[in-house]
Amino acid sequence: MTQGLKGFFIIVIFWFVGEAISMLMQNFLPGNVIGMVLMFASLQKGWIREESVSAASEFLAKNMTIMFLPPGVGLMVAYEILGKHWLPITLATILSTMLVLVIVGKMSDKKTK
């Protein structure tokens, strides 16, 4: 099995396990988030090697824009709802983005000291 194909298989397995756990938790957290956390933990613990998934993850990162097409179409379907609630959505987007920027900045600043 080629390295890229093996990497895709590993990523799909973690996604599938995350989805299964999400179903067991009655969709409290999205399955893809759970899968990413499990994969991150596995990489940190050394259970899977970075080289095993690097080719597949690089391919997915380079072609990420195509993965935003379905959510973009979904937004257009919900255009009326978005138009009705644009202010809270905009405020939540801006505040959450600022919060993430501050937290990541503080963490990276702390790490460099």
PDB file of N, CA and C in Angstrom:
ATOM      1  N   MET A   1       0.855  -1.181   0.000  1.00  0.00           N
ATOM      2  CA  MET A   1       0.000   0.000   0.000  1.00  0.00           C
ATOM      3  C   MET A   1       0.897   1.239   0.000  1.00  0.00           C
ATOM      4  N   THR A   2       0.601   2.190  -0.879  1.00  0.00           N
ATOM      5  CA  THR A   2       1.430   3.393  -0.937  1.00  0.00           C
ATOM      6  C   THR A   2       1.245   4.231   0.321  1.00  0.00           C
ATOM      7  N   GLN A   3       2.228   5.088   0.585  1.00  0.00           N
ATOM      8  CA  GLN A   3       2.218   5.908   1.795  1.00  0.00           C
ATOM      9  C   GLN A   3       0.995   6.831   1.824  1.00  0.00           C
ATOM     10  N   GLY A   4       0.660   7.455   0.677  1.00  0.00           N
ATOM     11  CA  GLY A   4      -0.482   8.359   0.627  1.00  0.00           C
ATOM     12  C   GLY A   4      -1.790   7.650   0.891  1.00  0.00           C
ATOM     13  N   LEU A   5      -1.957   6.477   0.293  1.00  0.00           N
ATOM     14  CA  LEU A   5      -3.175   5.701   0.487  1.00  0.00           C
ATOM     15  C   LEU A   5      -3.288   5.229   1.936  1.00  0.00           C
ATOM     16  N   LYS A   6      -2.175   4.822   2.498  1.00  0.00           N
ATOM     17  CA  LYS A   6      -2.163   4.404   3.900  1.00  0.00           C
ATOM     18  C   LYS A   6      -2.563   5.576   4.802  1.00  0.00           C
ATOM     19  N   GLY A   7      -2.063   6.767   4.490  1.00  0.00           N
ATOM     20  CA  GLY A   7      -2.406   7.955   5.269  1.00  0.00           C
ATOM     21  C   GLY A   7      -3.891   8.280   5.203  1.00  0.00           C
ATOM     22  N   PHE A   8      -4.468   8.183   3.985  1.00  0.00           N
ATOM     23  CA  PHE A   8      -5.901   8.416   3.851  1.00  0.00           C
ATOM     24  C   PHE A   8      -6.694   7.401   4.656  1.00  0.00           C
ATOM     25  N   PHE A   9      -6.253   6.157   4.619  1.00  0.00           N
ATOM     26  CA  PHE A   9      -6.933   5.102   5.369  1.00  0.00           C
ATOM     27  C   PHE A   9      -6.899   5.417   6.869  1.00  0.00           C
ATOM     28  N   ILE A  10      -5.761   5.840   7.380  1.00  0.00           N
ATOM     29  CA  ILE A  10      -5.636   6.177   8.804  1.00  0.00           C
ATOM     30  C   ILE A  10      -6.549   7.351   9.153  1.00  0.00           C
ATOM     31  N   ILE A  11      -6.551   8.379   8.308  1.00  0.00           N
ATOM     32  CA  ILE A  11      -7.400   9.549   8.568  1.00  0.00           C
ATOM     33  C   ILE A  11      -8.874   9.163   8.566  1.00  0.00           C
ATOM     34  N   VAL A  12      -9.278   8.333   7.603  1.00  0.00           N
ATOM     35  CA  VAL A  12     -10.679   7.905   7.525  1.00  0.00           C
ATOM     36  C   VAL A  12     -11.052   7.057   8.736  1.00  0.00           C
ATOM     37  N   ILE A  13     -10.144   6.213   9.187  1.00  0.00           N
ATOM     38  CA  ILE A  13     -10.421   5.393  10.384  1.00  0.00           C
ATOM     39  C   ILE A  13     -10.665   6.296  11.597  1.00  0.00           C
ATOM     40  N   PHE A  14      -9.817   7.309  11.789  1.00  0.00           N
ATOM     41  CA  PHE A  14     -10.012   8.216  12.916  1.00  0.00           C
ATOM     42  C   PHE A  14     -11.311   8.997  12.778  1.00  0.00           C
ATOM     43  N   TRP A  15     -11.652   9.400  11.557  1.00  0.00           N
ATOM     44  CA  TRP A  15     -12.920  10.089  11.336  1.00  0.00           C
ATOM     45  C   TRP A  15     -14.088   9.163  11.683  1.00  0.00           C
ATOM     46  N   PHE A  16     -14.017   7.919  11.226  1.00  0.00           N
ATOM     47  CA  PHE A  16     -15.085   6.960  11.490  1.00  0.00           C
ATOM     48  C   PHE A  16     -15.245   6.693  12.987  1.00  0.00           C
ATOM     49  N   VAL A  17     -14.133   6.513  13.683  1.00  0.00           N
ATOM     50  CA  VAL A  17     -14.187   6.282  15.135  1.00  0.00           C
ATOM     51  C   VAL A  17     -14.781   7.509  15.836  1.00  0.00           C
ATOM     52  N   GLY A  18     -14.375   8.689  15.395  1.00  0.00           N
ATOM     53  CA  GLY A  18     -14.928   9.921  15.965  1.00  0.00           C
ATOM     54  C   GLY A  18     -16.423  10.017  15.755  1.00  0.00           C
ATOM     55  N   GLU A  19     -16.894   9.654  14.554  1.00  0.00           N
ATOM     56  CA  GLU A  19     -18.329   9.671  14.275  1.00  0.00           C
ATOM     57  C   GLU A  19     -19.076   8.660  15.159  1.00  0.00           C
ATOM     58  N   ALA A  20     -18.485   7.486  15.353  1.00  0.00           N
ATOM     59  CA  ALA A  20     -19.115   6.467  16.195  1.00  0.00           C
ATOM     60  C   ALA A  20     -19.222   6.954  17.638  1.00  0.00           C
ATOM     61  N   ILE A  21     -18.153   7.555  18.137  1.00  0.00           N
ATOM     62  CA  ILE A  21     -18.183   8.090  19.506  1.00  0.00           C
ATOM     63  C   ILE A  21     -19.209   9.217  19.604  1.00  0.00           C
ATOM     64  N   SER A  22     -19.285  10.052  18.577  1.00  0.00           N
ATOM     65  CA  SER A  22     -20.257  11.143  18.561  1.00  0.00           C
ATOM     66  C   SER A  22     -21.681  10.602  18.641  1.00  0.00           C
ATOM     67  N   MET A  23     -21.947   9.537  17.902  1.00  0.00           N
ATOM     68  CA  MET A  23     -23.285   8.929  17.958  1.00  0.00           C
ATOM     69  C   MET A  23     -23.585   8.396  19.347  1.00  0.00           C
ATOM     70  N   LEU A  24     -22.577   7.770  19.973  1.00  0.00           N
ATOM     71  CA  LEU A  24     -22.771   7.245  21.325  1.00  0.00           C
ATOM     72  C   LEU A  24     -23.027   8.377  22.326  1.00  0.00           C
ATOM     73  N   MET A  25     -22.449   9.543  22.055  1.00  0.00           N
ATOM     74  CA  MET A  25     -22.637  10.715  22.928  1.00  0.00           C
ATOM     75  C   MET A  25     -23.850  11.535  22.498  1.00  0.00           C
ATOM     76  N   GLN A  26     -24.678  10.972  21.635  1.00  0.00           N
ATOM     77  CA  GLN A  26     -25.869  11.625  21.103  1.00  0.00           C
ATOM     78  C   GLN A  26     -25.528  12.955  20.434  1.00  0.00           C
ATOM     79  N   ASN A  27     -24.453  12.935  19.656  1.00  0.00           N
ATOM     80  CA  ASN A  27     -23.991  14.081  18.862  1.00  0.00           C
ATOM     81  C   ASN A  27     -23.718  15.330  19.698  1.00  0.00           C
ATOM     82  N   PHE A  28     -23.202  15.118  20.904  1.00  0.00           N
ATOM     83  CA  PHE A  28     -22.828  16.246  21.767  1.00  0.00           C
ATOM     84  C   PHE A  28     -21.684  17.039  21.145  1.00  0.00           C
ATOM     85  N   LEU A  29     -20.715  16.336  20.571  1.00  0.00           N
ATOM     86  CA  LEU A  29     -19.611  16.944  19.833  1.00  0.00           C
ATOM     87  C   LEU A  29     -19.590  16.359  18.434  1.00  0.00           C
ATOM     88  N   PRO A  30     -19.186  17.144  17.427  1.00  0.00           N
ATOM     89  CA  PRO A  30     -19.105  16.599  16.071  1.00  0.00           C
ATOM     90  C   PRO A  30     -18.072  15.475  15.983  1.00  0.00           C
ATOM     91  N   GLY A  31     -18.393  14.467  15.204  1.00  0.00           N
ATOM     92  CA  GLY A  31     -17.508  13.314  15.059  1.00  0.00           C
ATOM     93  C   GLY A  31     -16.157  13.657  14.469  1.00  0.00           C
ATOM     94  N   ASN A  32     -16.123  14.603  13.537  1.00  0.00           N
ATOM     95  CA  ASN A  32     -14.828  14.947  12.941  1.00  0.00           C
ATOM     96  C   ASN A  32     -13.919  15.625  13.950  1.00  0.00           C
ATOM     97  N   VAL A  33     -14.484  16.378  14.885  1.00  0.00           N
ATOM     98  CA  VAL A  33     -13.667  17.006  15.931  1.00  0.00           C
ATOM     99  C   VAL A  33     -13.114  15.941  16.875  1.00  0.00           C
ATOM    100  N   ILE A  34     -13.954  15.005  17.248  1.00  0.00           N
ATOM    101  CA  ILE A  34     -13.506  13.915  18.120  1.00  0.00           C
ATOM    102  C   ILE A  34     -12.406  13.110  17.428  1.00  0.00           C
ATOM    103  N   GLY A  35     -12.591  12.825  16.148  1.00  0.00           N
ATOM    104  CA  GLY A  35     -11.585  12.095  15.386  1.00  0.00           C
ATOM    105  C   GLY A  35     -10.257  12.832  15.315  1.00  0.00           C
ATOM    106  N   MET A  36     -10.328  14.168  15.118  1.00  0.00           N
ATOM    107  CA  MET A  36      -9.080  14.947  15.067  1.00  0.00           C
ATOM    108  C   MET A  36      -8.369  14.937  16.414  1.00  0.00           C
ATOM    109  N   VAL A  37      -9.129  15.029  17.502  1.00  0.00           N
ATOM    110  CA  VAL A  37      -8.514  14.997  18.833  1.00  0.00           C
ATOM    111  C   VAL A  37      -7.873  13.639  19.081  1.00  0.00           C
ATOM    112  N   LEU A  38      -8.566  12.576  18.696  1.00  0.00           N
ATOM    113  CA  LEU A  38      -7.997  11.231  18.861  1.00  0.00           C
ATOM    114  C   LEU A  38      -6.736  11.050  18.019  1.00  0.00           C
ATOM    115  N   MET A  39      -6.768  11.574  16.797  1.00  0.00           N
ATOM    116  CA  MET A  39      -5.592  11.460  15.941  1.00  0.00           C
ATOM    117  C   MET A  39      -4.433  12.274  16.504  1.00  0.00           C
ATOM    118  N   PHE A  40      -4.718  13.473  16.994  1.00  0.00           N
ATOM    119  CA  PHE A  40      -3.679  14.300  17.608  1.00  0.00           C
ATOM    120  C   PHE A  40      -3.055  13.578  18.797  1.00  0.00           C
ATOM    121  N   ALA A  41      -3.908  13.002  19.656  1.00  0.00           N
ATOM    122  CA  ALA A  41      -3.394  12.275  20.820  1.00  0.00           C
ATOM    123  C   ALA A  41      -2.543  11.083  20.380  1.00  0.00           C
ATOM    124  N   SER A  42      -2.983  10.381  19.343  1.00  0.00           N
ATOM    125  CA  SER A  42      -2.220   9.231  18.848  1.00  0.00           C
ATOM    126  C   SER A  42      -0.874   9.652  18.282  1.00  0.00           C
ATOM    127  N   LEU A  43      -0.850  10.790  17.590  1.00  0.00           N
ATOM    128  CA  LEU A  43       0.426  11.306  17.080  1.00  0.00           C
ATOM    129  C   LEU A  43       1.345  11.717  18.232  1.00  0.00           C
ATOM    130  N   GLN A  44       0.791  12.360  19.243  1.00  0.00           N
ATOM    131  CA  GLN A  44       1.592  12.799  20.384  1.00  0.00           C
ATOM    132  C   GLN A  44       2.145  11.618  21.168  1.00  0.00           C
ATOM    133  N   LYS A  45       1.342  10.572  21.309  1.00  0.00           N
ATOM    134  CA  LYS A  45       1.780   9.389  22.063  1.00  0.00           C
ATOM    135  C   LYS A  45       2.719   8.500  21.248  1.00  0.00           C
ATOM    136  N   GLY A  46       2.799   8.748  19.945  1.00  0.00           N
ATOM    137  CA  GLY A  46       3.662   7.935  19.103  1.00  0.00           C
ATOM    138  C   GLY A  46       3.006   6.650  18.628  1.00  0.00           C
ATOM    139  N   TRP A  47       1.695   6.535  18.791  1.00  0.00           N
ATOM    140  CA  TRP A  47       0.998   5.331  18.349  1.00  0.00           C
ATOM    141  C   TRP A  47       0.944   5.266  16.825  1.00  0.00           C
ATOM    142  N   ILE A  48       0.875   6.431  16.192  1.00  0.00           N
ATOM    143  CA  ILE A  48       1.037   6.482  14.742  1.00  0.00           C
ATOM    144  C   ILE A  48       2.139   7.485  14.449  1.00  0.00           C
ATOM    145  N   ARG A  49       2.871   7.240  13.371  1.00  0.00           N
ATOM    146  CA  ARG A  49       3.983   8.120  13.021  1.00  0.00           C
ATOM    147  C   ARG A  49       3.494   9.224  12.097  1.00  0.00           C
ATOM    148  N   GLU A  50       4.088  10.383  12.238  1.00  0.00           N
ATOM    149  CA  GLU A  50       3.727  11.524  11.407  1.00  0.00           C
ATOM    150  C   GLU A  50       3.909  11.202   9.924  1.00  0.00           C
ATOM    151  N   GLU A  51       4.952  10.465   9.600  1.00  0.00           N
ATOM    152  CA  GLU A  51       5.224  10.116   8.208  1.00  0.00           C
ATOM    153  C   GLU A  51       4.085   9.302   7.592  1.00  0.00           C
ATOM    154  N   SER A  52       3.332   8.601   8.432  1.00  0.00           N
ATOM    155  CA  SER A  52       2.243   7.768   7.930  1.00  0.00           C
ATOM    156  C   SER A  52       1.107   8.594   7.337  1.00  0.00           C
ATOM    157  N   VAL A  53       0.899   9.793   7.857  1.00  0.00           N
ATOM    158  CA  VAL A  53      -0.240  10.599   7.416  1.00  0.00           C
ATOM    159  C   VAL A  53       0.170  11.909   6.751  1.00  0.00           C
ATOM    160  N   SER A  54       1.464  12.188   6.672  1.00  0.00           N
ATOM    161  CA  SER A  54       1.907  13.499   6.171  1.00  0.00           C
ATOM    162  C   SER A  54       1.532  13.711   4.706  1.00  0.00           C
ATOM    163  N   ALA A  55       1.704  12.722   3.856  1.00  0.00           N
ATOM    164  CA  ALA A  55       1.388  12.901   2.427  1.00  0.00           C
ATOM    165  C   ALA A  55      -0.100  13.155   2.227  1.00  0.00           C
ATOM    166  N   ALA A  56      -0.932  12.383   2.908  1.00  0.00           N
ATOM    167  CA  ALA A  56      -2.385  12.559   2.775  1.00  0.00           C
ATOM    168  C   ALA A  56      -2.837  13.883   3.370  1.00  0.00           C
ATOM    169  N   SER A  57      -2.284  14.253   4.504  1.00  0.00           N
ATOM    170  CA  SER A  57      -2.699  15.510   5.139  1.00  0.00           C
ATOM    171  C   SER A  57      -2.238  16.715   4.327  1.00  0.00           C
ATOM    172  N   GLU A  58      -1.057  16.631   3.707  1.00  0.00           N
ATOM    173  CA  GLU A  58      -0.594  17.720   2.840  1.00  0.00           C
ATOM    174  C   GLU A  58      -1.499  17.863   1.626  1.00  0.00           C
ATOM    175  N   PHE A  59      -1.909  16.743   1.035  1.00  0.00           N
ATOM    176  CA  PHE A  59      -2.817  16.779  -0.101  1.00  0.00           C
ATOM    177  C   PHE A  59      -4.143  17.416   0.306  1.00  0.00           C
ATOM    178  N   LEU A  60      -4.686  16.999   1.439  1.00  0.00           N
ATOM    179  CA  LEU A  60      -5.964  17.550   1.899  1.00  0.00           C
ATOM    180  C   LEU A  60      -5.851  19.039   2.217  1.00  0.00           C
ATOM    181  N   ALA A  61      -4.745  19.456   2.796  1.00  0.00           N
ATOM    182  CA  ALA A  61      -4.558  20.869   3.118  1.00  0.00           C
ATOM    183  C   ALA A  61      -4.428  21.712   1.853  1.00  0.00           C
ATOM    184  N   LYS A  62      -3.722  21.193   0.841  1.00  0.00           N
ATOM    185  CA  LYS A  62      -3.568  21.931  -0.416  1.00  0.00           C
ATOM    186  C   LYS A  62      -4.884  22.061  -1.169  1.00  0.00           C
ATOM    187  N   ASN A  63      -5.781  21.105  -1.000  1.00  0.00           N
ATOM    188  CA  ASN A  63      -7.060  21.100  -1.712  1.00  0.00           C
ATOM    189  C   ASN A  63      -8.228  21.407  -0.779  1.00  0.00           C
ATOM    190  N   MET A  64      -7.961  22.151   0.264  1.00  0.00           N
ATOM    191  CA  MET A  64      -8.975  22.438   1.274  1.00  0.00           C
ATOM    192  C   MET A  64     -10.148  23.254   0.724  1.00  0.00           C
ATOM    193  N   THR A  65      -9.876  24.120  -0.247  1.00  0.00           N
ATOM    194  CA  THR A  65     -10.942  24.988  -0.737  1.00  0.00           C
ATOM    195  C   THR A  65     -12.110  24.203  -1.314  1.00  0.00           C
ATOM    196  N   ILE A  66     -11.847  23.070  -1.921  1.00  0.00           N
ATOM    197  CA  ILE A  66     -12.940  22.279  -2.490  1.00  0.00           C
ATOM    198  C   ILE A  66     -13.852  21.726  -1.391  1.00  0.00           C
ATOM    199  N   MET A  67     -13.309  21.579  -0.184  1.00  0.00           N
ATOM    200  CA  MET A  67     -14.113  21.052   0.919  1.00  0.00           C
ATOM    201  C   MET A  67     -15.046  22.109   1.512  1.00  0.00           C
ATOM    202  N   PHE A  68     -14.857  23.367   1.139  1.00  0.00           N
ATOM    203  CA  PHE A  68     -15.743  24.422   1.622  1.00  0.00           C
ATOM    204  C   PHE A  68     -16.923  24.652   0.687  1.00  0.00           C
ATOM    205  N   LEU A  69     -16.952  24.004  -0.458  1.00  0.00           N
ATOM    206  CA  LEU A  69     -18.066  24.183  -1.385  1.00  0.00           C
ATOM    207  C   LEU A  69     -19.402  23.697  -0.820  1.00  0.00           C
ATOM    208  N   PRO A  70     -19.501  22.474  -0.287  1.00  0.00           N
ATOM    209  CA  PRO A  70     -20.805  22.044   0.257  1.00  0.00           C
ATOM    210  C   PRO A  70     -21.325  22.939   1.388  1.00  0.00           C
ATOM    211  N   PRO A  71     -20.481  23.346   2.363  1.00  0.00           N
ATOM    212  CA  PRO A  71     -21.011  24.264   3.375  1.00  0.00           C
ATOM    213  C   PRO A  71     -21.430  25.607   2.778  1.00  0.00           C
ATOM    214  N   GLY A  72     -20.713  26.066   1.765  1.00  0.00           N
ATOM    215  CA  GLY A  72     -21.089  27.324   1.115  1.00  0.00           C
ATOM    216  C   GLY A  72     -22.445  27.230   0.450  1.00  0.00           C
ATOM    217  N   VAL A  73     -22.703  26.120  -0.222  1.00  0.00           N
ATOM    218  CA  VAL A  73     -24.013  25.900  -0.828  1.00  0.00           C
ATOM    219  C   VAL A  73     -25.075  25.799   0.252  1.00  0.00           C
ATOM    220  N   GLY A  74     -24.736  25.148   1.362  1.00  0.00           N
ATOM    221  CA  GLY A  74     -25.686  25.045   2.481  1.00  0.00           C
ATOM    222  C   GLY A  74     -26.048  26.407   3.050  1.00  0.00           C
ATOM    223  N   LEU A  75     -25.080  27.320   3.088  1.00  0.00           N
ATOM    224  CA  LEU A  75     -25.370  28.679   3.553  1.00  0.00           C
ATOM    225  C   LEU A  75     -26.358  29.379   2.624  1.00  0.00           C
ATOM    226  N   MET A  76     -26.219  29.155   1.339  1.00  0.00           N
ATOM    227  CA  MET A  76     -27.123  29.798   0.395  1.00  0.00           C
ATOM    228  C   MET A  76     -28.542  29.254   0.528  1.00  0.00           C
ATOM    229  N   VAL A  77     -28.678  28.002   0.913  1.00  0.00           N
ATOM    230  CA  VAL A  77     -29.996  27.416   1.129  1.00  0.00           C
ATOM    231  C   VAL A  77     -30.665  28.065   2.335  1.00  0.00           C
ATOM    232  N   ALA A  78     -29.862  28.425   3.341  1.00  0.00           N
ATOM    233  CA  ALA A  78     -30.386  29.039   4.567  1.00  0.00           C
ATOM    234  C   ALA A  78     -30.318  30.564   4.513  1.00  0.00           C
ATOM    235  N   TYR A  79     -30.367  31.127   3.325  1.00  0.00           N
ATOM    236  CA  TYR A  79     -30.207  32.574   3.137  1.00  0.00           C
ATOM    237  C   TYR A  79     -31.235  33.383   3.935  1.00  0.00           C
ATOM    238  N   GLU A  80     -32.492  32.946   3.956  1.00  0.00           N
ATOM    239  CA  GLU A  80     -33.539  33.682   4.679  1.00  0.00           C
ATOM    240  C   GLU A  80     -33.260  33.721   6.180  1.00  0.00           C
ATOM    241  N   ILE A  81     -32.859  32.603   6.735  1.00  0.00           N
ATOM    242  CA  ILE A  81     -32.561  32.539   8.170  1.00  0.00           C
ATOM    243  C   ILE A  81     -31.363  33.424   8.490  1.00  0.00           C
ATOM    244  N   LEU A  82     -30.331  33.356   7.645  1.00  0.00           N
ATOM    245  CA  LEU A  82     -29.145  34.189   7.854  1.00  0.00           C
ATOM    246  C   LEU A  82     -29.494  35.664   7.761  1.00  0.00           C
ATOM    247  N   GLY A  83     -30.353  36.014   6.809  1.00  0.00           N
ATOM    248  CA  GLY A  83     -30.762  37.410   6.663  1.00  0.00           C
ATOM    249  C   GLY A  83     -31.541  37.911   7.869  1.00  0.00           C
ATOM    250  N   LYS A  84     -32.306  37.039   8.468  1.00  0.00           N
ATOM    251  CA  LYS A  84     -33.123  37.406   9.624  1.00  0.00           C
ATOM    252  C   LYS A  84     -32.265  37.594  10.886  1.00  0.00           C
ATOM    253  N   HIS A  85     -31.204  36.806  11.014  1.00  0.00           N
ATOM    254  CA  HIS A  85     -30.384  36.798  12.230  1.00  0.00           C
ATOM    255  C   HIS A  85     -28.944  37.225  11.951  1.00  0.00           C
ATOM    256  N   TRP A  86     -28.735  38.133  11.029  1.00  0.00           N
ATOM    257  CA  TRP A  86     -27.389  38.501  10.608  1.00  0.00           C
ATOM    258  C   TRP A  86     -26.573  39.162  11.717  1.00  0.00           C
ATOM    259  N   LEU A  87     -27.211  39.972  12.580  1.00  0.00           N
ATOM    260  CA  LEU A  87     -26.447  40.681  13.608  1.00  0.00           C
ATOM    261  C   LEU A  87     -25.851  39.732  14.651  1.00  0.00           C
ATOM    262  N   PRO A  88     -26.664  38.845  15.271  1.00  0.00           N
ATOM    263  CA  PRO A  88     -26.040  37.923  16.237  1.00  0.00           C
ATOM    264  C   PRO A  88     -25.014  36.993  15.594  1.00  0.00           C
ATOM    265  N   ILE A  89     -25.244  36.577  14.364  1.00  0.00           N
ATOM    266  CA  ILE A  89     -24.283  35.704  13.688  1.00  0.00           C
ATOM    267  C   ILE A  89     -22.976  36.452  13.457  1.00  0.00           C
ATOM    268  N   THR A  90     -23.072  37.686  13.009  1.00  0.00           N
ATOM    269  CA  THR A  90     -21.871  38.493  12.755  1.00  0.00           C
ATOM    270  C   THR A  90     -21.114  38.753  14.047  1.00  0.00           C
ATOM    271  N   LEU A  91     -21.831  39.127  15.101  1.00  0.00           N
ATOM    272  CA  LEU A  91     -21.177  39.383  16.390  1.00  0.00           C
ATOM    273  C   LEU A  91     -20.505  38.131  16.939  1.00  0.00           C
ATOM    274  N   ALA A  92     -21.198  36.995  16.852  1.00  0.00           N
ATOM    275  CA  ALA A  92     -20.616  35.740  17.340  1.00  0.00           C
ATOM    276  C   ALA A  92     -19.376  35.366  16.534  1.00  0.00           C
ATOM    277  N   THR A  93     -19.415  35.594  15.237  1.00  0.00           N
ATOM    278  CA  THR A  93     -18.264  35.284  14.387  1.00  0.00           C
ATOM    279  C   THR A  93     -17.072  36.164  14.743  1.00  0.00           C
ATOM    280  N   ILE A  94     -17.316  37.454  14.886  1.00  0.00           N
ATOM    281  CA  ILE A  94     -16.224  38.380  15.214  1.00  0.00           C
ATOM    282  C   ILE A  94     -15.661  38.094  16.604  1.00  0.00           C
ATOM    283  N   LEU A  95     -16.541  37.916  17.591  1.00  0.00           N
ATOM    284  CA  LEU A  95     -16.077  37.671  18.963  1.00  0.00           C
ATOM    285  C   LEU A  95     -15.325  36.348  19.083  1.00  0.00           C
ATOM    286  N   SER A  96     -15.827  35.303  18.444  1.00  0.00           N
ATOM    287  CA  SER A  96     -15.140  34.011  18.545  1.00  0.00           C
ATOM    288  C   SER A  96     -13.797  34.052  17.821  1.00  0.00           C
ATOM    289  N   THR A  97     -13.724  34.760  16.699  1.00  0.00           N
ATOM    290  CA  THR A  97     -12.454  34.893  15.993  1.00  0.00           C
ATOM    291  C   THR A  97     -11.441  35.648  16.839  1.00  0.00           C
ATOM    292  N   MET A  98     -11.880  36.733  17.451  1.00  0.00           N
ATOM    293  CA  MET A  98     -10.982  37.514  18.312  1.00  0.00           C
ATOM    294  C   MET A  98     -10.519  36.683  19.506  1.00  0.00           C
ATOM    295  N   LEU A  99     -11.436  35.909  20.087  1.00  0.00           N
ATOM    296  CA  LEU A  99     -11.085  35.066  21.226  1.00  0.00           C
ATOM    297  C   LEU A  99     -10.030  34.030  20.830  1.00  0.00           C
ATOM    298  N   VAL A 100     -10.206  33.404  19.687  1.00  0.00           N
ATOM    299  CA  VAL A 100      -9.231  32.421  19.216  1.00  0.00           C
ATOM    300  C   VAL A 100      -7.883  33.082  18.965  1.00  0.00           C
ATOM    301  N   LEU A 101      -7.884  34.250  18.334  1.00  0.00           N
ATOM    302  CA  LEU A 101      -6.629  34.962  18.074  1.00  0.00           C
ATOM    303  C   LEU A 101      -5.903  35.306  19.373  1.00  0.00           C
ATOM    304  N   VAL A 102      -6.640  35.783  20.374  1.00  0.00           N
ATOM    305  CA  VAL A 102      -6.022  36.149  21.654  1.00  0.00           C
ATOM    306  C   VAL A 102      -5.454  34.911  22.344  1.00  0.00           C
ATOM    307  N   ILE A 103      -6.227  33.828  22.380  1.00  0.00           N
ATOM    308  CA  ILE A 103      -5.778  32.613  23.069  1.00  0.00           C
ATOM    309  C   ILE A 103      -4.550  32.021  22.373  1.00  0.00           C
ATOM    310  N   VAL A 104      -4.588  31.945  21.048  1.00  0.00           N
ATOM    311  CA  VAL A 104      -3.446  31.394  20.327  1.00  0.00           C
ATOM    312  C   VAL A 104      -2.229  32.296  20.486  1.00  0.00           C
ATOM    313  N   GLY A 105      -2.435  33.616  20.449  1.00  0.00           N
ATOM    314  CA  GLY A 105      -1.324  34.536  20.656  1.00  0.00           C
ATOM    315  C   GLY A 105      -0.705  34.385  22.025  1.00  0.00           C
ATOM    316  N   LYS A 106      -1.549  34.275  23.069  1.00  0.00           N
ATOM    317  CA  LYS A 106      -1.040  34.108  24.438  1.00  0.00           C
ATOM    318  C   LYS A 106      -0.285  32.782  24.581  1.00  0.00           C
ATOM    319  N   MET A 107      -0.845  31.722  23.964  1.00  0.00           N
ATOM    320  CA  MET A 107      -0.188  30.420  24.063  1.00  0.00           C
ATOM    321  C   MET A 107       1.161  30.419  23.345  1.00  0.00           C
ATOM    322  N   SER A 108       1.221  31.001  22.164  1.00  0.00           N
ATOM    323  CA  SER A 108       2.498  31.013  21.445  1.00  0.00           C
ATOM    324  C   SER A 108       3.490  31.948  22.112  1.00  0.00           C
ATOM    325  N   ASP A 109       3.014  33.026  22.709  1.00  0.00           N
ATOM    326  CA  ASP A 109       3.904  33.936  23.432  1.00  0.00           C
ATOM    327  C   ASP A 109       4.463  33.237  24.660  1.00  0.00           C
ATOM    328  N   LYS A 110       3.616  32.483  25.347  1.00  0.00           N
ATOM    329  CA  LYS A 110       4.036  31.743  26.530  1.00  0.00           C
ATOM    330  C   LYS A 110       5.050  30.658  26.166  1.00  0.00           C
ATOM    331  N   LYS A 111       4.858  30.035  24.996  1.00  0.00           N
ATOM    332  CA  LYS A 111       5.722  28.943  24.560  1.00  0.00           C
ATOM    333  C   LYS A 111       7.119  29.451  24.188  1.00  0.00           C
ATOM    334  N   THR A 112       7.203  30.683  23.676  1.00  0.00           N
ATOM    335  CA  THR A 112       8.490  31.203  23.248  1.00  0.00           C
ATOM    336  C   THR A 112       9.315  31.750  24.417  1.00  0.00           C
ATOM    337  N   LYS A 113       8.693  31.968  25.546  1.00  0.00           N
ATOM    338  CA  LYS A 113       9.434  32.500  26.701  1.00  0.00           C
ATOM    339  C   LYS A 113      10.154  31.431  27.458  1.00  0.00           C
TER     340      LYS A 113
END
